[in-house]
Amino acid sequence: WPFTAPVFFPITEAIPGIPEYAGYA
């Protein structure tokens, strides 16, 4: 989302593969 991306985008860049981790969970 454009208005929250500055806060959360760095997290998703630092943790690649979030969808894979959701699948493992």
PDB file of all heavy atoms in Angstrom:
ATOM      1  N   TRP A   1       0.841  -1.192   0.000  1.00  0.00           N
ATOM      2  CA  TRP A   1       0.000   0.000   0.000  1.00  0.00           C
ATOM      3  C   TRP A   1       0.873   1.238   0.000  1.00  0.00           C
ATOM      4  O   TRP A   1       1.827   1.346   0.790  1.00  0.00           O
ATOM      5  CB  TRP A   1      -0.910   0.011   1.214  1.00  0.00           C
ATOM      6  CG  TRP A   1      -1.955  -1.075   1.196  1.00  0.00           C
ATOM      7  CD1 TRP A   1      -2.309  -1.858   0.155  1.00  0.00           C
ATOM      8  CD2 TRP A   1      -2.765  -1.474   2.292  1.00  0.00           C
ATOM      9  NE1 TRP A   1      -3.302  -2.730   0.519  1.00  0.00           N
ATOM     10  CE2 TRP A   1      -3.607  -2.511   1.834  1.00  0.00           C
ATOM     11  CE3 TRP A   1      -2.883  -1.071   3.613  1.00  0.00           C
ATOM     12  CZ2 TRP A   1      -4.537  -3.132   2.638  1.00  0.00           C
ATOM     13  CZ3 TRP A   1      -3.815  -1.685   4.411  1.00  0.00           C
ATOM     14  CH2 TRP A   1      -4.629  -2.710   3.929  1.00  0.00           C
ATOM     15  N   PRO A   2       0.569   2.212  -0.850  1.00  0.00           N
ATOM     16  CA  PRO A   2       1.446   3.387  -0.994  1.00  0.00           C
ATOM     17  C   PRO A   2       1.662   4.166   0.302  1.00  0.00           C
ATOM     18  O   PRO A   2       2.765   4.615   0.579  1.00  0.00           O
ATOM     19  CB  PRO A   2       0.719   4.255  -2.028  1.00  0.00           C
ATOM     20  CG  PRO A   2      -0.251   3.361  -2.697  1.00  0.00           C
ATOM     21  CD  PRO A   2      -0.548   2.237  -1.781  1.00  0.00           C
ATOM     22  N   PHE A   3       0.634   4.312   1.133  1.00  0.00           N
ATOM     23  CA  PHE A   3       0.783   5.141   2.334  1.00  0.00           C
ATOM     24  C   PHE A   3       1.473   4.426   3.489  1.00  0.00           C
ATOM     25  O   PHE A   3       1.914   5.064   4.438  1.00  0.00           O
ATOM     26  CB  PHE A   3      -0.576   5.703   2.784  1.00  0.00           C
ATOM     27  CG  PHE A   3      -1.610   4.662   3.069  1.00  0.00           C
ATOM     28  CD1 PHE A   3      -1.766   4.126   4.333  1.00  0.00           C
ATOM     29  CD2 PHE A   3      -2.443   4.210   2.052  1.00  0.00           C
ATOM     30  CE1 PHE A   3      -2.723   3.173   4.592  1.00  0.00           C
ATOM     31  CE2 PHE A   3      -3.408   3.252   2.301  1.00  0.00           C
ATOM     32  CZ  PHE A   3      -3.545   2.730   3.575  1.00  0.00           C
ATOM     33  N   THR A   4       1.613   3.097   3.434  1.00  0.00           N
ATOM     34  CA  THR A   4       2.329   2.377   4.494  1.00  0.00           C
ATOM     35  C   THR A   4       3.630   1.767   4.002  1.00  0.00           C
ATOM     36  O   THR A   4       4.410   1.266   4.798  1.00  0.00           O
ATOM     37  CB  THR A   4       1.453   1.243   5.074  1.00  0.00           C
ATOM     38  OG1 THR A   4       1.101   0.354   4.018  1.00  0.00           O
ATOM     39  CG2 THR A   4       0.211   1.792   5.738  1.00  0.00           C
ATOM     40  N   ALA A   5       3.862   1.829   2.702  1.00  0.00           N
ATOM     41  CA  ALA A   5       5.053   1.204   2.128  1.00  0.00           C
ATOM     42  C   ALA A   5       6.364   1.706   2.729  1.00  0.00           C
ATOM     43  O   ALA A   5       7.272   0.904   2.962  1.00  0.00           O
ATOM     44  CB  ALA A   5       5.068   1.375   0.613  1.00  0.00           C
ATOM     45  N   PRO A   6       6.516   3.014   3.030  1.00  0.00           N
ATOM     46  CA  PRO A   6       7.799   3.448   3.605  1.00  0.00           C
ATOM     47  C   PRO A   6       8.146   2.746   4.919  1.00  0.00           C
ATOM     48  O   PRO A   6       9.311   2.558   5.240  1.00  0.00           O
ATOM     49  CB  PRO A   6       7.603   4.952   3.825  1.00  0.00           C
ATOM     50  CG  PRO A   6       6.546   5.342   2.848  1.00  0.00           C
ATOM     51  CD  PRO A   6       5.643   4.155   2.719  1.00  0.00           C
ATOM     52  N   VAL A   7       7.143   2.335   5.663  1.00  0.00           N
ATOM     53  CA  VAL A   7       7.392   1.669   6.947  1.00  0.00           C
ATOM     54  C   VAL A   7       7.608   0.167   6.746  1.00  0.00           C
ATOM     55  O   VAL A   7       8.535  -0.412   7.314  1.00  0.00           O
ATOM     56  CB  VAL A   7       6.211   1.909   7.918  1.00  0.00           C
ATOM     57  CG1 VAL A   7       6.400   1.119   9.201  1.00  0.00           C
ATOM     58  CG2 VAL A   7       6.046   3.384   8.197  1.00  0.00           C
ATOM     59  N   PHE A   8       6.750  -0.478   5.948  1.00  0.00           N
ATOM     60  CA  PHE A   8       6.756  -1.928   5.851  1.00  0.00           C
ATOM     61  C   PHE A   8       7.584  -2.480   4.698  1.00  0.00           C
ATOM     62  O   PHE A   8       7.991  -3.639   4.744  1.00  0.00           O
ATOM     63  CB  PHE A   8       5.312  -2.460   5.762  1.00  0.00           C
ATOM     64  CG  PHE A   8       4.577  -2.322   7.049  1.00  0.00           C
ATOM     65  CD1 PHE A   8       3.751  -1.234   7.277  1.00  0.00           C
ATOM     66  CD2 PHE A   8       4.732  -3.257   8.057  1.00  0.00           C
ATOM     67  CE1 PHE A   8       3.075  -1.096   8.478  1.00  0.00           C
ATOM     68  CE2 PHE A   8       4.070  -3.132   9.253  1.00  0.00           C
ATOM     69  CZ  PHE A   8       3.237  -2.052   9.468  1.00  0.00           C
ATOM     70  N   PHE A   9       7.827  -1.701   3.649  1.00  0.00           N
ATOM     71  CA  PHE A   9       8.602  -2.206   2.529  1.00  0.00           C
ATOM     72  C   PHE A   9      10.013  -2.610   2.933  1.00  0.00           C
ATOM     73  O   PHE A   9      10.501  -3.651   2.501  1.00  0.00           O
ATOM     74  CB  PHE A   9       8.637  -1.190   1.375  1.00  0.00           C
ATOM     75  CG  PHE A   9       9.264  -1.736   0.135  1.00  0.00           C
ATOM     76  CD1 PHE A   9       8.603  -2.687  -0.635  1.00  0.00           C
ATOM     77  CD2 PHE A   9      10.533  -1.337  -0.259  1.00  0.00           C
ATOM     78  CE1 PHE A   9       9.182  -3.209  -1.777  1.00  0.00           C
ATOM     79  CE2 PHE A   9      11.120  -1.851  -1.403  1.00  0.00           C
ATOM     80  CZ  PHE A   9      10.439  -2.787  -2.157  1.00  0.00           C
ATOM     81  N   PRO A  10      10.703  -1.825   3.802  1.00  0.00           N
ATOM     82  CA  PRO A  10      12.038  -2.276   4.225  1.00  0.00           C
ATOM     83  C   PRO A  10      12.018  -3.634   4.947  1.00  0.00           C
ATOM     84  O   PRO A  10      12.963  -4.406   4.840  1.00  0.00           O
ATOM     85  CB  PRO A  10      12.508  -1.171   5.172  1.00  0.00           C
ATOM     86  CG  PRO A  10      11.721   0.026   4.776  1.00  0.00           C
ATOM     87  CD  PRO A  10      10.393  -0.496   4.305  1.00  0.00           C
ATOM     88  N   ILE A  11      10.934  -3.934   5.645  1.00  0.00           N
ATOM     89  CA  ILE A  11      10.831  -5.219   6.340  1.00  0.00           C
ATOM     90  C   ILE A  11      10.762  -6.350   5.316  1.00  0.00           C
ATOM     91  O   ILE A  11      11.439  -7.364   5.441  1.00  0.00           O
ATOM     92  CB  ILE A  11       9.585  -5.246   7.255  1.00  0.00           C
ATOM     93  CG1 ILE A  11       9.749  -4.229   8.384  1.00  0.00           C
ATOM     94  CG2 ILE A  11       9.350  -6.651   7.813  1.00  0.00           C
ATOM     95  CD1 ILE A  11       8.511  -4.033   9.215  1.00  0.00           C
ATOM     96  N   THR A  12       9.929  -6.155   4.280  1.00  0.00           N
ATOM     97  CA  THR A  12       9.786  -7.215   3.287  1.00  0.00           C
ATOM     98  C   THR A  12      11.056  -7.369   2.450  1.00  0.00           C
ATOM     99  O   THR A  12      11.333  -8.453   1.958  1.00  0.00           O
ATOM    100  CB  THR A  12       8.580  -6.954   2.361  1.00  0.00           C
ATOM    101  OG1 THR A  12       8.760  -5.709   1.693  1.00  0.00           O
ATOM    102  CG2 THR A  12       7.287  -6.955   3.147  1.00  0.00           C
ATOM    103  N   GLU A  13      11.802  -6.292   2.295  1.00  0.00           N
ATOM    104  CA  GLU A  13      13.074  -6.388   1.575  1.00  0.00           C
ATOM    105  C   GLU A  13      14.124  -7.102   2.426  1.00  0.00           C
ATOM    106  O   GLU A  13      14.953  -7.835   1.912  1.00  0.00           O
ATOM    107  CB  GLU A  13      13.581  -4.992   1.184  1.00  0.00           C
ATOM    108  CG  GLU A  13      12.817  -4.373   0.041  1.00  0.00           C
ATOM    109  CD  GLU A  13      12.981  -5.172  -1.247  1.00  0.00           C
ATOM    110  OE1 GLU A  13      14.117  -5.493  -1.631  1.00  0.00           O
ATOM    111  OE2 GLU A  13      11.935  -5.478  -1.851  1.00  0.00           O
ATOM    112  N   ALA A  14      14.079  -6.882   3.739  1.00  0.00           N
ATOM    113  CA  ALA A  14      15.042  -7.514   4.644  1.00  0.00           C
ATOM    114  C   ALA A  14      14.736  -8.996   4.846  1.00  0.00           C
ATOM    115  O   ALA A  14      15.628  -9.778   5.155  1.00  0.00           O
ATOM    116  CB  ALA A  14      15.054  -6.797   5.988  1.00  0.00           C
ATOM    117  N   ILE A  15      13.470  -9.377   4.686  1.00  0.00           N
ATOM    118  CA  ILE A  15      13.061 -10.772   4.871  1.00  0.00           C
ATOM    119  C   ILE A  15      12.499 -11.273   3.540  1.00  0.00           C
ATOM    120  O   ILE A  15      11.293 -11.239   3.313  1.00  0.00           O
ATOM    121  CB  ILE A  15      11.997 -10.904   5.978  1.00  0.00           C
ATOM    122  CG1 ILE A  15      12.440 -10.233   7.256  1.00  0.00           C
ATOM    123  CG2 ILE A  15      11.673 -12.378   6.217  1.00  0.00           C
ATOM    124  CD1 ILE A  15      11.359 -10.146   8.303  1.00  0.00           C
ATOM    125  N   PRO A  16      13.354 -11.726   2.636  1.00  0.00           N
ATOM    126  CA  PRO A  16      12.834 -12.223   1.366  1.00  0.00           C
ATOM    127  C   PRO A  16      12.067 -13.532   1.572  1.00  0.00           C
ATOM    128  O   PRO A  16      12.392 -14.320   2.450  1.00  0.00           O
ATOM    129  CB  PRO A  16      14.084 -12.451   0.526  1.00  0.00           C
ATOM    130  CG  PRO A  16      15.168 -12.675   1.516  1.00  0.00           C
ATOM    131  CD  PRO A  16      14.799 -11.853   2.729  1.00  0.00           C
ATOM    132  N   GLY A  17      11.057 -13.722   0.792  1.00  0.00           N
ATOM    133  CA  GLY A  17      10.333 -14.982   0.856  1.00  0.00           C
ATOM    134  C   GLY A  17       9.257 -15.045   1.917  1.00  0.00           C
ATOM    135  O   GLY A  17       8.957 -16.129   2.421  1.00  0.00           O
ATOM    136  N   ILE A  18       8.656 -13.917   2.267  1.00  0.00           N
ATOM    137  CA  ILE A  18       7.583 -13.929   3.268  1.00  0.00           C
ATOM    138  C   ILE A  18       6.456 -14.885   2.853  1.00  0.00           C
ATOM    139  O   ILE A  18       5.953 -15.626   3.701  1.00  0.00           O
ATOM    140  CB  ILE A  18       7.077 -12.504   3.562  1.00  0.00           C
ATOM    141  CG1 ILE A  18       8.118 -11.766   4.411  1.00  0.00           C
ATOM    142  CG2 ILE A  18       5.737 -12.530   4.276  1.00  0.00           C
ATOM    143  CD1 ILE A  18       7.740 -10.355   4.787  1.00  0.00           C
ATOM    144  N   PRO A  19       6.052 -14.917   1.580  1.00  0.00           N
ATOM    145  CA  PRO A  19       5.006 -15.893   1.223  1.00  0.00           C
ATOM    146  C   PRO A  19       5.436 -17.350   1.476  1.00  0.00           C
ATOM    147  O   PRO A  19       4.614 -18.177   1.868  1.00  0.00           O
ATOM    148  CB  PRO A  19       4.784 -15.647  -0.273  1.00  0.00           C
ATOM    149  CG  PRO A  19       5.230 -14.244  -0.501  1.00  0.00           C
ATOM    150  CD  PRO A  19       6.357 -14.026   0.465  1.00  0.00           C
ATOM    151  N   GLU A  20       6.715 -17.643   1.263  1.00  0.00           N
ATOM    152  CA  GLU A  20       7.190 -19.007   1.537  1.00  0.00           C
ATOM    153  C   GLU A  20       7.109 -19.319   3.029  1.00  0.00           C
ATOM    154  O   GLU A  20       6.706 -20.415   3.422  1.00  0.00           O
ATOM    155  CB  GLU A  20       8.635 -19.187   1.045  1.00  0.00           C
ATOM    156  CG  GLU A  20       8.760 -19.318  -0.453  1.00  0.00           C
ATOM    157  CD  GLU A  20       8.786 -17.980  -1.191  1.00  0.00           C
ATOM    158  OE1 GLU A  20       8.833 -16.916  -0.527  1.00  0.00           O
ATOM    159  OE2 GLU A  20       8.750 -17.994  -2.428  1.00  0.00           O
ATOM    160  N   TYR A  21       7.473 -18.333   3.876  1.00  0.00           N
ATOM    161  CA  TYR A  21       7.389 -18.556   5.316  1.00  0.00           C
ATOM    162  C   TYR A  21       5.940 -18.758   5.757  1.00  0.00           C
ATOM    163  O   TYR A  21       5.661 -19.560   6.647  1.00  0.00           O
ATOM    164  CB  TYR A  21       8.034 -17.410   6.094  1.00  0.00           C
ATOM    165  CG  TYR A  21       9.534 -17.356   5.915  1.00  0.00           C
ATOM    166  CD1 TYR A  21      10.164 -16.186   5.518  1.00  0.00           C
ATOM    167  CD2 TYR A  21      10.318 -18.477   6.131  1.00  0.00           C
ATOM    168  CE1 TYR A  21      11.543 -16.140   5.345  1.00  0.00           C
ATOM    169  CE2 TYR A  21      11.690 -18.447   5.956  1.00  0.00           C
ATOM    170  CZ  TYR A  21      12.299 -17.263   5.566  1.00  0.00           C
ATOM    171  OH  TYR A  21      13.645 -17.231   5.383  1.00  0.00           O
ATOM    172  N   ALA A  22       5.018 -18.040   5.128  1.00  0.00           N
ATOM    173  CA  ALA A  22       3.601 -18.245   5.436  1.00  0.00           C
ATOM    174  C   ALA A  22       3.190 -19.676   5.045  1.00  0.00           C
ATOM    175  O   ALA A  22       2.431 -20.322   5.766  1.00  0.00           O
ATOM    176  CB  ALA A  22       2.741 -17.217   4.712  1.00  0.00           C
ATOM    177  N   GLY A  23       3.712 -20.161   3.928  1.00  0.00           N
ATOM    178  CA  GLY A  23       3.428 -21.543   3.517  1.00  0.00           C
ATOM    179  C   GLY A  23       4.012 -22.559   4.488  1.00  0.00           C
ATOM    180  O   GLY A  23       3.360 -23.561   4.816  1.00  0.00           O
ATOM    181  N   TYR A  24       5.223 -22.316   4.958  1.00  0.00           N
ATOM    182  CA  TYR A  24       5.826 -23.224   5.946  1.00  0.00           C
ATOM    183  C   TYR A  24       4.997 -23.230   7.236  1.00  0.00           C
ATOM    184  O   TYR A  24       4.775 -24.288   7.840  1.00  0.00           O
ATOM    185  CB  TYR A  24       7.256 -22.809   6.289  1.00  0.00           C
ATOM    186  CG  TYR A  24       8.195 -22.716   5.120  1.00  0.00           C
ATOM    187  CD1 TYR A  24       9.268 -21.819   5.136  1.00  0.00           C
ATOM    188  CD2 TYR A  24       8.047 -23.509   3.988  1.00  0.00           C
ATOM    189  CE1 TYR A  24      10.144 -21.718   4.073  1.00  0.00           C
ATOM    190  CE2 TYR A  24       8.917 -23.414   2.920  1.00  0.00           C
ATOM    191  CZ  TYR A  24       9.961 -22.520   2.959  1.00  0.00           C
ATOM    192  OH  TYR A  24      10.829 -22.409   1.915  1.00  0.00           O
ATOM    193  N   ALA A  25       4.542 -22.046   7.634  1.00  0.00           N
ATOM    194  CA  ALA A  25       3.721 -21.955   8.849  1.00  0.00           C
ATOM    195  C   ALA A  25       2.385 -22.672   8.650  1.00  0.00           C
ATOM    196  O   ALA A  25       1.857 -23.273   9.590  1.00  0.00           O
ATOM    197  CB  ALA A  25       3.501 -20.494   9.234  1.00  0.00           C
TER     198      ALA A  25
END
